[in-house]
Amino acid sequence: MNANTNSHSGAWVSFTYANMLGSLALTMGGIFFLPIDLWIKGYLFMGVTMLVSSTVIVTKTMRDVQESGRLVNKLEEARTEKLLASIKD
């Protein structure tokens, strides 16, 4: 079996964290300086926070489903190899 391990560079990981933090800070700053009532700002902050949280959760769930499928495929491949090996003997 061939194990593909594609890891990201440290620079790319740092860039993605900086990008997320920068965009979140700019969005929150924009909401903070809007000329609207405090309760509306609170509602917008809540919406942005929930949007970021749900994005992280969906991304993790999609990755977990993909990794689970990969594990199932490896198990099926191992069973097939074992079956073929027993047929050859």
Protein backbone atom coordinates (compact mmCIF):
# COMPACT_ATOMS: atom_id res chain seq x y z
CA MET A 1 0.00 0.00 0.00
CA ASN A 2 1.15 3.51 -0.77
CA ALA A 3 0.71 6.06 2.01
CA ASN A 4 0.41 9.61 0.71
CA THR A 5 1.37 12.13 3.34
CA ASN A 6 1.12 15.65 2.02
CA SER A 7 1.93 18.02 4.85
CA HIS A 8 1.73 21.77 4.63
CA SER A 9 4.75 23.98 5.14
CA GLY A 10 5.05 26.04 8.28
CA ALA A 11 4.79 29.22 6.23
CA TRP A 12 1.46 28.15 4.73
CA VAL A 13 0.02 27.22 8.12
CA SER A 14 1.16 30.56 9.57
CA PHE A 15 -0.34 32.40 6.60
CA THR A 16 -3.71 30.71 7.01
CA TYR A 17 -3.83 31.54 10.73
CA ALA A 18 -2.79 35.16 10.07
CA ASN A 19 -5.35 35.42 7.26
CA MET A 20 -8.18 34.16 9.46
CA LEU A 21 -7.21 36.35 12.41
CA GLY A 22 -6.75 39.42 10.18
CA SER A 23 -10.10 39.02 8.44
CA LEU A 24 -11.86 38.39 11.74
CA ALA A 25 -10.22 41.44 13.35
CA LEU A 26 -11.10 43.70 10.41
CA THR A 27 -14.70 42.48 10.36
CA MET A 28 -15.08 42.93 14.11
CA GLY A 29 -13.47 46.39 13.91
CA GLY A 30 -15.85 47.37 11.12
CA ILE A 31 -18.83 46.27 13.19
CA PHE A 32 -17.49 48.09 16.27
CA PHE A 33 -17.17 51.41 14.42
CA LEU A 34 -20.56 51.23 12.68
CA PRO A 35 -22.81 54.14 13.67
CA ILE A 36 -25.60 51.89 15.00
CA ASP A 37 -27.09 50.94 18.37
CA LEU A 38 -25.17 48.66 20.72
CA TRP A 39 -27.73 45.84 20.55
CA ILE A 40 -27.41 45.71 16.76
CA LYS A 41 -23.62 45.54 17.07
CA GLY A 42 -24.03 42.67 19.56
CA TYR A 43 -26.26 40.84 17.10
CA LEU A 44 -23.69 41.28 14.31
CA PHE A 45 -20.85 40.12 16.60
CA MET A 46 -22.91 37.05 17.50
CA GLY A 47 -23.55 36.30 13.82
CA VAL A 48 -19.88 36.58 12.87
CA THR A 49 -18.83 34.42 15.83
CA MET A 50 -21.36 31.72 14.95
CA LEU A 51 -20.37 31.84 11.28
CA VAL A 52 -16.69 31.31 12.09
CA SER A 53 -17.53 28.53 14.55
CA SER A 54 -19.81 26.70 12.10
CA THR A 55 -17.20 27.00 9.34
CA VAL A 56 -14.60 25.33 11.55
CA ILE A 57 -17.05 22.59 12.54
CA VAL A 58 -18.11 21.87 8.94
CA THR A 59 -14.48 21.77 7.80
CA LYS A 60 -13.52 19.35 10.57
CA THR A 61 -16.54 17.15 9.88
CA MET A 62 -15.75 16.97 6.16
CA ARG A 63 -12.14 16.03 6.93
CA ASP A 64 -13.24 13.37 9.42
CA VAL A 65 -15.62 11.84 6.87
CA GLN A 66 -12.87 11.77 4.23
CA GLU A 67 -10.37 10.18 6.63
CA SER A 68 -12.97 7.61 7.70
CA GLY A 69 -13.57 6.71 4.05
CA ARG A 70 -9.84 6.35 3.55
CA LEU A 71 -9.64 3.95 6.50
CA VAL A 72 -12.53 1.87 5.15
CA ASN A 73 -10.82 1.69 1.76
CA LYS A 74 -7.56 0.54 3.39
CA LEU A 75 -9.42 -2.19 5.29
CA GLU A 76 -11.18 -3.35 2.13
CA GLU A 77 -7.88 -3.39 0.25
CA ALA A 78 -6.24 -5.43 3.01
CA ARG A 79 -9.12 -7.93 2.96
CA THR A 80 -8.87 -8.23 -0.81
CA GLU A 81 -5.10 -8.80 -0.64
CA LYS A 82 -5.60 -11.44 2.05
CA LEU A 83 -8.28 -13.18 -0.04
CA LEU A 84 -6.10 -13.13 -3.14
CA ALA A 85 -3.14 -14.46 -1.16
CA SER A 86 -5.24 -17.33 0.20
CA ILE A 87 -6.51 -18.17 -3.31
CA LYS A 88 -2.94 -18.33 -4.67
CA ASP A 89 -1.91 -20.80 -1.95
